[in-house]
Amino acid sequence: MTKAKTPSAPASAVDTVPASYETALAELEALVSRMESGQMPLADMLISYQRGAFLLAHCREQLQARSEEHTSELQSRVDIS
């Protein structure tokens, strides 16, 4: 019995890091909108899902990094006072 192949995008297409948080968020919003339309072929939907998961993780990492930077900055201000 042969295993069915799952369509997947080239790693470079799915894992391309966006130029900025804003770019990633805009692309993610566009992906969600296209997926919710119900007009996307299944293979494209799977690729879009993979890209969306990558973009979501990227956005979360960016937000976490900024949060830690701000927390550190605020803590240093409190320590100086």
N, C-alpha and C. Protein backbone atom coordinates (compact mmCIF):
# COMPACT_ATOMS: atom_id res chain seq x y z
N MET A 1 0.85 -1.18 0.00
CA MET A 1 0.00 0.00 0.00
C MET A 1 0.89 1.24 0.00
N THR A 2 0.64 2.15 -0.93
CA THR A 2 1.44 3.37 -0.98
C THR A 2 0.79 4.45 -0.15
N LYS A 3 1.64 5.26 0.43
CA LYS A 3 1.16 6.34 1.28
C LYS A 3 0.77 7.53 0.40
N ALA A 4 -0.39 8.10 0.66
CA ALA A 4 -0.84 9.26 -0.11
C ALA A 4 0.06 10.45 0.21
N LYS A 5 0.41 11.19 -0.83
CA LYS A 5 1.24 12.36 -0.62
C LYS A 5 0.37 13.53 -0.19
N THR A 6 0.86 14.27 0.79
CA THR A 6 0.20 15.48 1.22
C THR A 6 0.84 16.64 0.48
N PRO A 7 0.04 17.46 -0.20
CA PRO A 7 0.64 18.57 -0.91
C PRO A 7 1.32 19.51 0.07
N SER A 8 2.47 20.00 -0.31
CA SER A 8 3.13 20.97 0.54
C SER A 8 3.88 21.96 -0.32
N ALA A 9 3.98 23.16 0.18
CA ALA A 9 4.69 24.20 -0.55
C ALA A 9 6.17 24.02 -0.31
N PRO A 10 6.97 24.54 -1.21
CA PRO A 10 8.40 24.52 -0.94
C PRO A 10 8.68 25.24 0.37
N ALA A 11 9.65 24.74 1.11
CA ALA A 11 9.97 25.33 2.41
C ALA A 11 10.21 26.83 2.29
N SER A 12 10.82 27.25 1.19
CA SER A 12 11.11 28.67 1.04
C SER A 12 9.83 29.51 0.97
N ALA A 13 8.76 28.99 0.42
CA ALA A 13 7.51 29.73 0.32
C ALA A 13 6.81 29.81 1.67
N VAL A 14 6.83 28.74 2.40
CA VAL A 14 6.13 28.68 3.68
C VAL A 14 6.92 29.40 4.77
N ASP A 15 8.24 29.27 4.75
CA ASP A 15 9.08 29.77 5.84
C ASP A 15 9.77 31.09 5.55
N THR A 16 9.34 31.81 4.53
CA THR A 16 9.93 33.10 4.23
C THR A 16 9.54 34.10 5.32
N VAL A 17 10.54 34.69 5.95
CA VAL A 17 10.30 35.62 7.05
C VAL A 17 9.86 36.97 6.47
N PRO A 18 8.74 37.49 6.95
CA PRO A 18 8.25 38.79 6.47
C PRO A 18 9.20 39.91 6.88
N ALA A 19 9.11 41.02 6.16
CA ALA A 19 9.98 42.17 6.42
C ALA A 19 9.70 42.82 7.78
N SER A 20 8.45 42.75 8.23
CA SER A 20 8.09 43.39 9.50
C SER A 20 6.89 42.68 10.11
N TYR A 21 6.61 43.03 11.35
CA TYR A 21 5.42 42.50 12.03
C TYR A 21 4.16 42.89 11.26
N GLU A 22 4.12 44.14 10.83
CA GLU A 22 2.94 44.65 10.12
C GLU A 22 2.72 43.89 8.81
N THR A 23 3.81 43.59 8.11
CA THR A 23 3.72 42.83 6.86
C THR A 23 3.19 41.42 7.13
N ALA A 24 3.71 40.80 8.19
CA ALA A 24 3.27 39.46 8.56
C ALA A 24 1.79 39.45 8.92
N LEU A 25 1.38 40.43 9.69
CA LEU A 25 -0.02 40.50 10.11
C LEU A 25 -0.95 40.72 8.92
N ALA A 26 -0.56 41.59 8.00
CA ALA A 26 -1.38 41.84 6.82
C ALA A 26 -1.48 40.58 5.96
N GLU A 27 -0.38 39.87 5.80
CA GLU A 27 -0.41 38.63 5.01
C GLU A 27 -1.28 37.58 5.69
N LEU A 28 -1.17 37.49 7.01
CA LEU A 28 -1.97 36.52 7.76
C LEU A 28 -3.46 36.84 7.62
N GLU A 29 -3.82 38.11 7.74
CA GLU A 29 -5.22 38.51 7.59
C GLU A 29 -5.75 38.17 6.19
N ALA A 30 -4.92 38.40 5.17
CA ALA A 30 -5.32 38.09 3.79
C ALA A 30 -5.51 36.58 3.61
N LEU A 31 -4.59 35.79 4.19
CA LEU A 31 -4.71 34.33 4.11
C LEU A 31 -6.01 33.85 4.75
N VAL A 32 -6.30 34.36 5.93
CA VAL A 32 -7.51 33.95 6.65
C VAL A 32 -8.75 34.31 5.83
N SER A 33 -8.74 35.49 5.26
CA SER A 33 -9.88 35.92 4.45
C SER A 33 -10.09 35.00 3.25
N ARG A 34 -9.01 34.66 2.55
CA ARG A 34 -9.13 33.76 1.40
C ARG A 34 -9.59 32.37 1.83
N MET A 35 -9.06 31.89 2.95
CA MET A 35 -9.45 30.55 3.42
C MET A 35 -10.91 30.52 3.85
N GLU A 36 -11.37 31.60 4.48
CA GLU A 36 -12.76 31.64 4.93
C GLU A 36 -13.75 31.78 3.78
N SER A 37 -13.28 32.21 2.62
CA SER A 37 -14.18 32.39 1.48
C SER A 37 -14.74 31.06 1.00
N GLY A 38 -13.98 29.97 1.26
CA GLY A 38 -14.43 28.65 0.84
C GLY A 38 -14.20 28.37 -0.63
N GLN A 39 -13.52 29.24 -1.33
CA GLN A 39 -13.29 29.09 -2.76
C GLN A 39 -11.88 28.58 -3.10
N MET A 40 -11.13 28.21 -2.09
CA MET A 40 -9.74 27.80 -2.28
C MET A 40 -9.67 26.28 -2.43
N PRO A 41 -8.93 25.80 -3.43
CA PRO A 41 -8.74 24.35 -3.55
C PRO A 41 -8.05 23.79 -2.29
N LEU A 42 -8.33 22.53 -2.00
CA LEU A 42 -7.81 21.92 -0.78
C LEU A 42 -6.29 21.99 -0.69
N ALA A 43 -5.60 21.71 -1.78
CA ALA A 43 -4.13 21.75 -1.76
C ALA A 43 -3.63 23.15 -1.40
N ASP A 44 -4.26 24.18 -1.97
CA ASP A 44 -3.88 25.56 -1.66
C ASP A 44 -4.22 25.90 -0.21
N MET A 45 -5.33 25.36 0.27
CA MET A 45 -5.73 25.63 1.65
C MET A 45 -4.71 25.03 2.63
N LEU A 46 -4.21 23.85 2.33
CA LEU A 46 -3.21 23.23 3.20
C LEU A 46 -1.92 24.04 3.22
N ILE A 47 -1.51 24.51 2.06
CA ILE A 47 -0.31 25.34 1.98
C ILE A 47 -0.54 26.66 2.72
N SER A 48 -1.71 27.23 2.54
CA SER A 48 -2.03 28.48 3.22
C SER A 48 -2.07 28.29 4.73
N TYR A 49 -2.57 27.15 5.16
CA TYR A 49 -2.60 26.86 6.59
C TYR A 49 -1.18 26.80 7.14
N GLN A 50 -0.28 26.13 6.42
CA GLN A 50 1.12 26.04 6.86
C GLN A 50 1.74 27.43 6.93
N ARG A 51 1.50 28.24 5.92
CA ARG A 51 2.04 29.61 5.91
C ARG A 51 1.44 30.41 7.05
N GLY A 52 0.15 30.27 7.26
CA GLY A 52 -0.52 30.99 8.34
C GLY A 52 0.03 30.61 9.71
N ALA A 53 0.29 29.33 9.91
CA ALA A 53 0.86 28.88 11.19
C ALA A 53 2.24 29.48 11.38
N PHE A 54 3.04 29.54 10.31
CA PHE A 54 4.37 30.15 10.39
C PHE A 54 4.25 31.64 10.72
N LEU A 55 3.34 32.34 10.03
CA LEU A 55 3.16 33.77 10.27
C LEU A 55 2.67 34.05 11.69
N LEU A 56 1.75 33.22 12.17
CA LEU A 56 1.25 33.39 13.53
C LEU A 56 2.37 33.23 14.55
N ALA A 57 3.19 32.20 14.37
CA ALA A 57 4.32 31.98 15.28
C ALA A 57 5.30 33.16 15.20
N HIS A 58 5.54 33.66 14.00
CA HIS A 58 6.44 34.80 13.82
C HIS A 58 5.90 36.02 14.56
N CYS A 59 4.61 36.30 14.40
CA CYS A 59 4.00 37.46 15.07
C CYS A 59 4.06 37.31 16.59
N ARG A 60 3.78 36.13 17.07
CA ARG A 60 3.85 35.90 18.52
C ARG A 60 5.27 36.11 19.04
N GLU A 61 6.26 35.62 18.31
CA GLU A 61 7.65 35.81 18.72
C GLU A 61 8.02 37.29 18.75
N GLN A 62 7.56 38.03 17.74
CA GLN A 62 7.84 39.47 17.69
C GLN A 62 7.19 40.19 18.87
N LEU A 63 5.95 39.86 19.16
CA LEU A 63 5.26 40.49 20.28
C LEU A 63 5.92 40.14 21.61
N GLN A 64 6.33 38.90 21.77
CA GLN A 64 7.00 38.46 22.99
C GLN A 64 8.32 39.21 23.18
N ALA A 65 9.07 39.35 22.10
CA ALA A 65 10.36 40.05 22.18
C ALA A 65 10.14 41.51 22.57
N ARG A 66 9.15 42.17 21.97
CA ARG A 66 8.88 43.58 22.30
C ARG A 66 8.39 43.70 23.74
N SER A 67 7.58 42.76 24.16
CA SER A 67 7.09 42.78 25.53
C SER A 67 8.23 42.67 26.53
N GLU A 68 9.17 41.76 26.25
CA GLU A 68 10.32 41.60 27.14
C GLU A 68 11.19 42.85 27.15
N GLU A 69 11.36 43.48 25.98
CA GLU A 69 12.14 44.71 25.91
C GLU A 69 11.51 45.81 26.76
N HIS A 70 10.20 45.97 26.63
CA HIS A 70 9.51 47.01 27.38
C HIS A 70 9.51 46.71 28.87
N THR A 71 9.32 45.47 29.22
CA THR A 71 9.35 45.09 30.64
C THR A 71 10.72 45.38 31.23
N SER A 72 11.76 45.04 30.50
CA SER A 72 13.12 45.28 30.96
C SER A 72 13.38 46.78 31.12
N GLU A 73 12.93 47.55 30.14
CA GLU A 73 13.11 49.01 30.20
C GLU A 73 12.37 49.60 31.40
N LEU A 74 11.15 49.18 31.60
CA LEU A 74 10.38 49.68 32.73
C LEU A 74 11.01 49.28 34.06
N GLN A 75 11.51 48.04 34.12
CA GLN A 75 12.14 47.57 35.35
C GLN A 75 13.40 48.38 35.66
N SER A 76 14.17 48.72 34.63
CA SER A 76 15.38 49.51 34.86
C SER A 76 15.01 50.92 35.33
N ARG A 77 13.93 51.47 34.87
CA ARG A 77 13.47 52.79 35.33
C ARG A 77 13.06 52.73 36.79
N VAL A 78 12.39 51.67 37.18
CA VAL A 78 11.96 51.50 38.57
C VAL A 78 13.18 51.33 39.48
N ASP A 79 14.17 50.58 39.00
CA ASP A 79 15.37 50.33 39.79
C ASP A 79 16.17 51.60 40.00
N ILE A 80 16.14 52.53 39.04
CA ILE A 80 16.88 53.79 39.16
C ILE A 80 16.23 54.71 40.18
N SER A 81 14.93 54.69 40.26
CA SER A 81 14.19 55.59 41.15
C SER A 81 14.43 55.32 42.61
